[in-house]
C-alpha cells in the first residue's frame, strides 16, 4: 500500500502507471480523499495499462481539494509501479492586478475627456 498525503490541499494530481508482464493490474485500487483526509471522493478500479513497455496516465481533479491518495494492491499476485507523480493547485488571479488595469483604463478615459473639454473651451 502506498499512501500519499499532501501537506497542503491540492486541486489536481496525476501519475504514470504501469505493471510488469505477468502481473494482474486489475487488482490495484486507487482511492482519493478530500482535504480533510477522510472524505472519500473517488476510486480508480480495474485499471488497465498498455504492454509493460509503455505507461498509462491517470489523473483526478477536484476544486474542493485533495488531501490523500491511497494506492493498494488487493492481491498478492499484483504488482504495479507509479512514476512521475504530479500535483498542484489552480492559479487564482490576483484581484489587485485587475484593479490596477481598471484604474489605468479610467485614467486614460479621464485624460481623453479632459483634452476634449479643453479643446471645446479654447474654440
Protein backbone atom coordinates (compact mmCIF):
# COMPACT_ATOMS: atom_id res chain seq x y z
CA UNK A 1 0.00 0.00 0.00
CA UNK A 2 1.24 3.46 -0.93
CA UNK A 3 -0.23 6.49 0.86
CA UNK A 4 0.43 9.99 -0.47
CA UNK A 5 -0.53 12.74 1.99
CA UNK A 6 -0.39 16.28 0.63
CA UNK A 7 0.74 18.86 3.21
CA UNK A 8 -1.46 21.48 1.62
CA UNK A 9 -4.64 20.61 -0.17
CA UNK A 10 -4.14 20.30 -3.93
CA UNK A 11 -6.76 20.56 -6.66
CA UNK A 12 -5.29 18.05 -9.12
CA UNK A 13 -2.84 15.19 -9.35
CA UNK A 14 -1.78 12.64 -11.93
CA UNK A 15 0.73 9.86 -12.48
CA UNK A 16 2.05 7.34 -14.98
CA UNK A 17 1.00 3.80 -14.10
CA UNK A 18 2.38 0.51 -15.38
CA UNK A 19 2.77 -3.13 -14.41
CA UNK A 20 5.43 -5.70 -15.30
CA UNK A 21 4.48 -8.62 -17.57
CA UNK A 22 2.69 -11.49 -15.86
CA UNK A 23 1.13 -9.42 -13.09
CA UNK A 24 -2.54 -8.59 -12.79
CA UNK A 25 -3.04 -4.82 -12.82
CA UNK A 26 -6.79 -5.07 -12.26
CA UNK A 27 -6.13 -5.91 -8.59
CA UNK A 28 -4.91 -2.38 -7.92
CA UNK A 29 -7.28 0.13 -6.29
CA UNK A 30 -6.58 3.85 -6.01
CA UNK A 31 -8.74 5.84 -3.58
CA UNK A 32 -8.83 9.64 -3.46
CA UNK A 33 -9.77 11.53 -0.28
CA UNK A 34 -10.67 15.17 0.34
CA UNK A 35 -8.70 17.93 2.01
CA UNK A 36 -9.72 16.65 5.46
CA UNK A 37 -8.10 13.26 4.60
CA UNK A 38 -11.29 11.38 5.48
CA UNK A 39 -13.97 12.38 2.94
CA UNK A 40 -13.99 9.79 0.16
CA UNK A 41 -14.00 11.46 -3.27
CA UNK A 42 -13.34 8.80 -5.90
CA UNK A 43 -11.81 5.45 -6.70
CA UNK A 44 -9.93 4.03 -9.67
CA UNK A 45 -10.51 0.29 -10.05
CA UNK A 46 -9.95 -2.25 -12.82
CA UNK A 47 -7.00 -0.25 -14.08
CA UNK A 48 -5.51 -1.24 -17.36
CA UNK A 49 -2.18 -0.44 -18.90
CA UNK A 50 -0.70 -0.97 -22.30
CA UNK A 51 2.10 -3.53 -22.59
CA UNK A 52 4.75 -3.07 -19.90
CA UNK A 53 6.97 -1.10 -22.24
CA UNK A 54 4.58 1.85 -22.12
CA UNK A 55 2.54 3.57 -19.45
CA UNK A 56 -0.99 4.77 -18.88
CA UNK A 57 -1.69 8.19 -17.36
CA UNK A 58 -4.33 8.55 -14.65
CA UNK A 59 -5.36 11.87 -13.14
CA UNK A 60 -8.02 13.43 -10.96
CA UNK A 61 -9.24 16.99 -10.34
CA UNK A 62 -11.40 18.35 -7.52
CA UNK A 63 -11.83 22.09 -6.90
CA UNK A 64 -12.63 21.47 -3.21
CA UNK A 65 -9.19 19.99 -2.64
CA UNK A 66 -7.47 16.62 -2.42
CA UNK A 67 -5.63 15.66 0.76
CA UNK A 68 -4.72 11.99 0.37
CA UNK A 69 -4.29 9.31 -2.31
CA UNK A 70 -4.08 5.63 -1.35
CA UNK A 71 -2.80 3.00 -3.81
CA UNK A 72 -3.36 -0.60 -2.75
CA UNK A 73 -2.90 -3.99 -4.38
CA UNK A 74 -5.73 -6.32 -3.37
CA UNK A 75 -3.93 -9.49 -4.46
CA UNK A 76 -0.50 -10.92 -3.76
CA UNK A 77 -0.09 -11.56 -7.49
CA UNK A 78 -0.44 -7.85 -8.19
CA UNK A 79 2.43 -5.56 -8.88
CA UNK A 80 2.26 -2.05 -10.22
CA UNK A 81 4.51 0.96 -10.48
CA UNK A 82 3.75 4.65 -10.27
CA UNK A 83 6.08 7.15 -11.85
CA UNK A 84 6.07 10.90 -12.47
CA UNK A 85 3.56 11.86 -9.78
CA UNK A 86 2.49 15.44 -10.44
CA UNK A 87 0.19 17.63 -8.38
CA UNK A 88 -0.71 21.25 -7.86
CA UNK A 89 -3.32 23.86 -7.22
CA UNK A 90 -5.16 26.03 -9.69
CA UNK A 91 -3.76 29.52 -10.06
CA UNK A 92 -6.14 32.21 -8.87
CA UNK A 93 -5.82 35.64 -10.49
CA UNK A 94 -4.85 38.36 -8.07
CA UNK A 95 -7.62 40.97 -7.59
CA UNK A 96 -5.14 43.82 -7.30
CA UNK A 97 -3.93 43.20 -10.87
CA UNK A 98 -7.47 43.62 -12.17
CA UNK A 99 -7.94 46.73 -10.06
CA UNK A 100 -4.75 48.29 -11.49
CA UNK A 101 -5.87 47.52 -15.03
CA UNK A 102 -9.28 49.12 -14.36
CA UNK A 103 -7.71 52.22 -12.80
CA UNK A 104 -5.38 52.61 -15.79
CA UNK A 105 -8.35 52.44 -18.16
CA UNK A 106 -10.25 55.04 -16.14
CA UNK A 107 -7.19 57.29 -16.11
CA UNK A 108 -6.89 57.13 -19.89
CA UNK A 109 -10.62 57.90 -20.33
CA UNK A 110 -10.29 60.86 -17.94
CA UNK A 111 -7.28 62.19 -19.86
CA UNK A 112 -9.15 61.97 -23.15
CA UNK A 113 -12.25 63.67 -21.68
CA UNK A 114 -10.10 66.47 -20.27
CA UNK A 115 -8.38 67.08 -23.65
CA UNK A 116 -11.75 67.23 -25.41
CA UNK A 117 -13.13 69.66 -22.83
CA UNK A 118 -10.06 71.89 -23.10
CA UNK A 119 -10.39 71.92 -26.92
CA UNK A 120 -14.07 72.99 -26.67
CA UNK A 121 -13.27 75.80 -24.24
CA UNK A 122 -10.47 77.08 -26.49
CA UNK A 123 -12.67 77.19 -29.57
